[in-house]
Amino acid sequence: MKFRRALFWDTDPRKLNARTHATYIIERIADFGTAAEIRWAIRQYGLRKFREVVRTSRAVDPMTRNLWHRVLSRKS
């Protein structure tokens, strides 16, 4: 996927590797991603990995974490 510059304003999105930067990418997409980017992240990494990163990452905004907890608990 070609990442939006606005999503990764502090780094060059062309240098991101979907495998080695998975946590960083999920954090940004969970906080600031579009619906299409969220769907891509869940397809790319799986719901389990997406849920784990959102739940445990200190980089994810607490309000975002709460939103995802509510959304993902319905998908269980």
C-alpha atoms as a PDB file:
ATOM      1  CA  MET A   1       0.000   0.000   0.000  1.00  0.00           C
ATOM      2  CA  LYS A   2       1.171   3.514  -0.730  1.00  0.00           C
ATOM      3  CA  PHE A   3       0.923   5.403   2.556  1.00  0.00           C
ATOM      4  CA  ARG A   4      -0.353   8.958   2.803  1.00  0.00           C
ATOM      5  CA  ARG A   5       2.253  11.547   3.773  1.00  0.00           C
ATOM      6  CA  ALA A   6      -0.209  12.988   6.318  1.00  0.00           C
ATOM      7  CA  LEU A   7      -0.329   9.638   8.104  1.00  0.00           C
ATOM      8  CA  PHE A   8       3.453   9.502   8.490  1.00  0.00           C
ATOM      9  CA  TRP A   9       4.333  13.187   8.744  1.00  0.00           C
ATOM     10  CA  ASP A  10       7.504  12.519  10.754  1.00  0.00           C
ATOM     11  CA  THR A  11       9.094   9.973   8.419  1.00  0.00           C
ATOM     12  CA  ASP A  12       9.381   9.203   4.733  1.00  0.00           C
ATOM     13  CA  PRO A  13       6.476   6.810   3.990  1.00  0.00           C
ATOM     14  CA  ARG A  14       8.418   5.344   1.058  1.00  0.00           C
ATOM     15  CA  LYS A  15      11.009   3.982   3.496  1.00  0.00           C
ATOM     16  CA  LEU A  16       8.467   2.059   5.582  1.00  0.00           C
ATOM     17  CA  ASN A  17       8.529  -1.703   5.323  1.00  0.00           C
ATOM     18  CA  ALA A  18       5.147  -3.304   6.027  1.00  0.00           C
ATOM     19  CA  ARG A  19       6.773  -6.266   7.770  1.00  0.00           C
ATOM     20  CA  THR A  20       9.508  -4.654   9.865  1.00  0.00           C
ATOM     21  CA  HIS A  21       7.510  -1.540  10.784  1.00  0.00           C
ATOM     22  CA  ALA A  22       4.205  -3.313  11.467  1.00  0.00           C
ATOM     23  CA  THR A  23       3.653  -1.934  14.970  1.00  0.00           C
ATOM     24  CA  TYR A  24       4.431   1.636  13.932  1.00  0.00           C
ATOM     25  CA  ILE A  25       2.140   1.388  10.904  1.00  0.00           C
ATOM     26  CA  ILE A  26      -0.733  -0.090  12.924  1.00  0.00           C
ATOM     27  CA  GLU A  27      -0.367   2.620  15.584  1.00  0.00           C
ATOM     28  CA  ARG A  28      -0.659   5.391  13.012  1.00  0.00           C
ATOM     29  CA  ILE A  29      -3.491   3.771  11.104  1.00  0.00           C
ATOM     30  CA  ALA A  30      -5.431   3.084  14.313  1.00  0.00           C
ATOM     31  CA  ASP A  31      -5.077   6.731  15.365  1.00  0.00           C
ATOM     32  CA  PHE A  32      -5.338   8.586  12.058  1.00  0.00           C
ATOM     33  CA  GLY A  33      -6.201   6.142   9.278  1.00  0.00           C
ATOM     34  CA  THR A  34      -9.070   6.197   6.830  1.00  0.00           C
ATOM     35  CA  ALA A  35     -11.552   3.330   6.627  1.00  0.00           C
ATOM     36  CA  ALA A  36      -9.644   1.930   3.637  1.00  0.00           C
ATOM     37  CA  GLU A  37      -6.337   2.082   5.530  1.00  0.00           C
ATOM     38  CA  ILE A  38      -7.885   0.353   8.539  1.00  0.00           C
ATOM     39  CA  ARG A  39      -9.268  -2.424   6.327  1.00  0.00           C
ATOM     40  CA  TRP A  40      -5.846  -2.800   4.707  1.00  0.00           C
ATOM     41  CA  ALA A  41      -4.090  -3.036   8.095  1.00  0.00           C
ATOM     42  CA  ILE A  42      -6.485  -5.698   9.366  1.00  0.00           C
ATOM     43  CA  ARG A  43      -6.118  -7.703   6.146  1.00  0.00           C
ATOM     44  CA  GLN A  44      -2.340  -7.265   6.137  1.00  0.00           C
ATOM     45  CA  TYR A  45      -1.637  -8.037   9.803  1.00  0.00           C
ATOM     46  CA  GLY A  46      -4.756  -9.833  10.967  1.00  0.00           C
ATOM     47  CA  LEU A  47      -7.308  -8.789  13.546  1.00  0.00           C
ATOM     48  CA  ARG A  48      -5.342 -10.405  16.375  1.00  0.00           C
ATOM     49  CA  LYS A  49      -2.189  -8.335  15.676  1.00  0.00           C
ATOM     50  CA  PHE A  50      -4.200  -5.147  15.129  1.00  0.00           C
ATOM     51  CA  ARG A  51      -6.026  -5.683  18.430  1.00  0.00           C
ATOM     52  CA  GLU A  52      -2.780  -6.486  20.281  1.00  0.00           C
ATOM     53  CA  VAL A  53      -0.993  -3.349  19.074  1.00  0.00           C
ATOM     54  CA  VAL A  54      -3.941  -1.076  19.837  1.00  0.00           C
ATOM     55  CA  ARG A  55      -4.322  -2.623  23.289  1.00  0.00           C
ATOM     56  CA  THR A  56      -0.646  -2.557  24.332  1.00  0.00           C
ATOM     57  CA  SER A  57       1.004   0.330  22.486  1.00  0.00           C
ATOM     58  CA  ARG A  58       1.843   3.432  24.473  1.00  0.00           C
ATOM     59  CA  ALA A  59       1.839   5.428  21.225  1.00  0.00           C
ATOM     60  CA  VAL A  60      -1.901   4.933  20.597  1.00  0.00           C
ATOM     61  CA  ASP A  61      -3.996   7.754  22.019  1.00  0.00           C
ATOM     62  CA  PRO A  62      -6.055   6.608  25.054  1.00  0.00           C
ATOM     63  CA  MET A  63      -9.299   7.805  23.465  1.00  0.00           C
ATOM     64  CA  THR A  64      -8.450   5.866  20.309  1.00  0.00           C
ATOM     65  CA  ARG A  65      -7.668   2.795  22.401  1.00  0.00           C
ATOM     66  CA  ASN A  66     -11.068   3.072  24.093  1.00  0.00           C
ATOM     67  CA  LEU A  67     -12.847   3.431  20.743  1.00  0.00           C
ATOM     68  CA  TRP A  68     -11.075   0.382  19.298  1.00  0.00           C
ATOM     69  CA  HIS A  69     -11.788  -1.616  22.439  1.00  0.00           C
ATOM     70  CA  ARG A  70     -15.499  -0.973  21.962  1.00  0.00           C
ATOM     71  CA  VAL A  71     -15.442  -1.627  18.211  1.00  0.00           C
ATOM     72  CA  LEU A  72     -13.303  -4.754  18.372  1.00  0.00           C
ATOM     73  CA  SER A  73     -15.139  -6.278  21.323  1.00  0.00           C
ATOM     74  CA  ARG A  74     -18.214  -6.454  19.087  1.00  0.00           C
ATOM     75  CA  LYS A  75     -16.254  -8.411  16.453  1.00  0.00           C
ATOM     76  CA  SER A  76     -15.190 -11.141  18.901  1.00  0.00           C
END
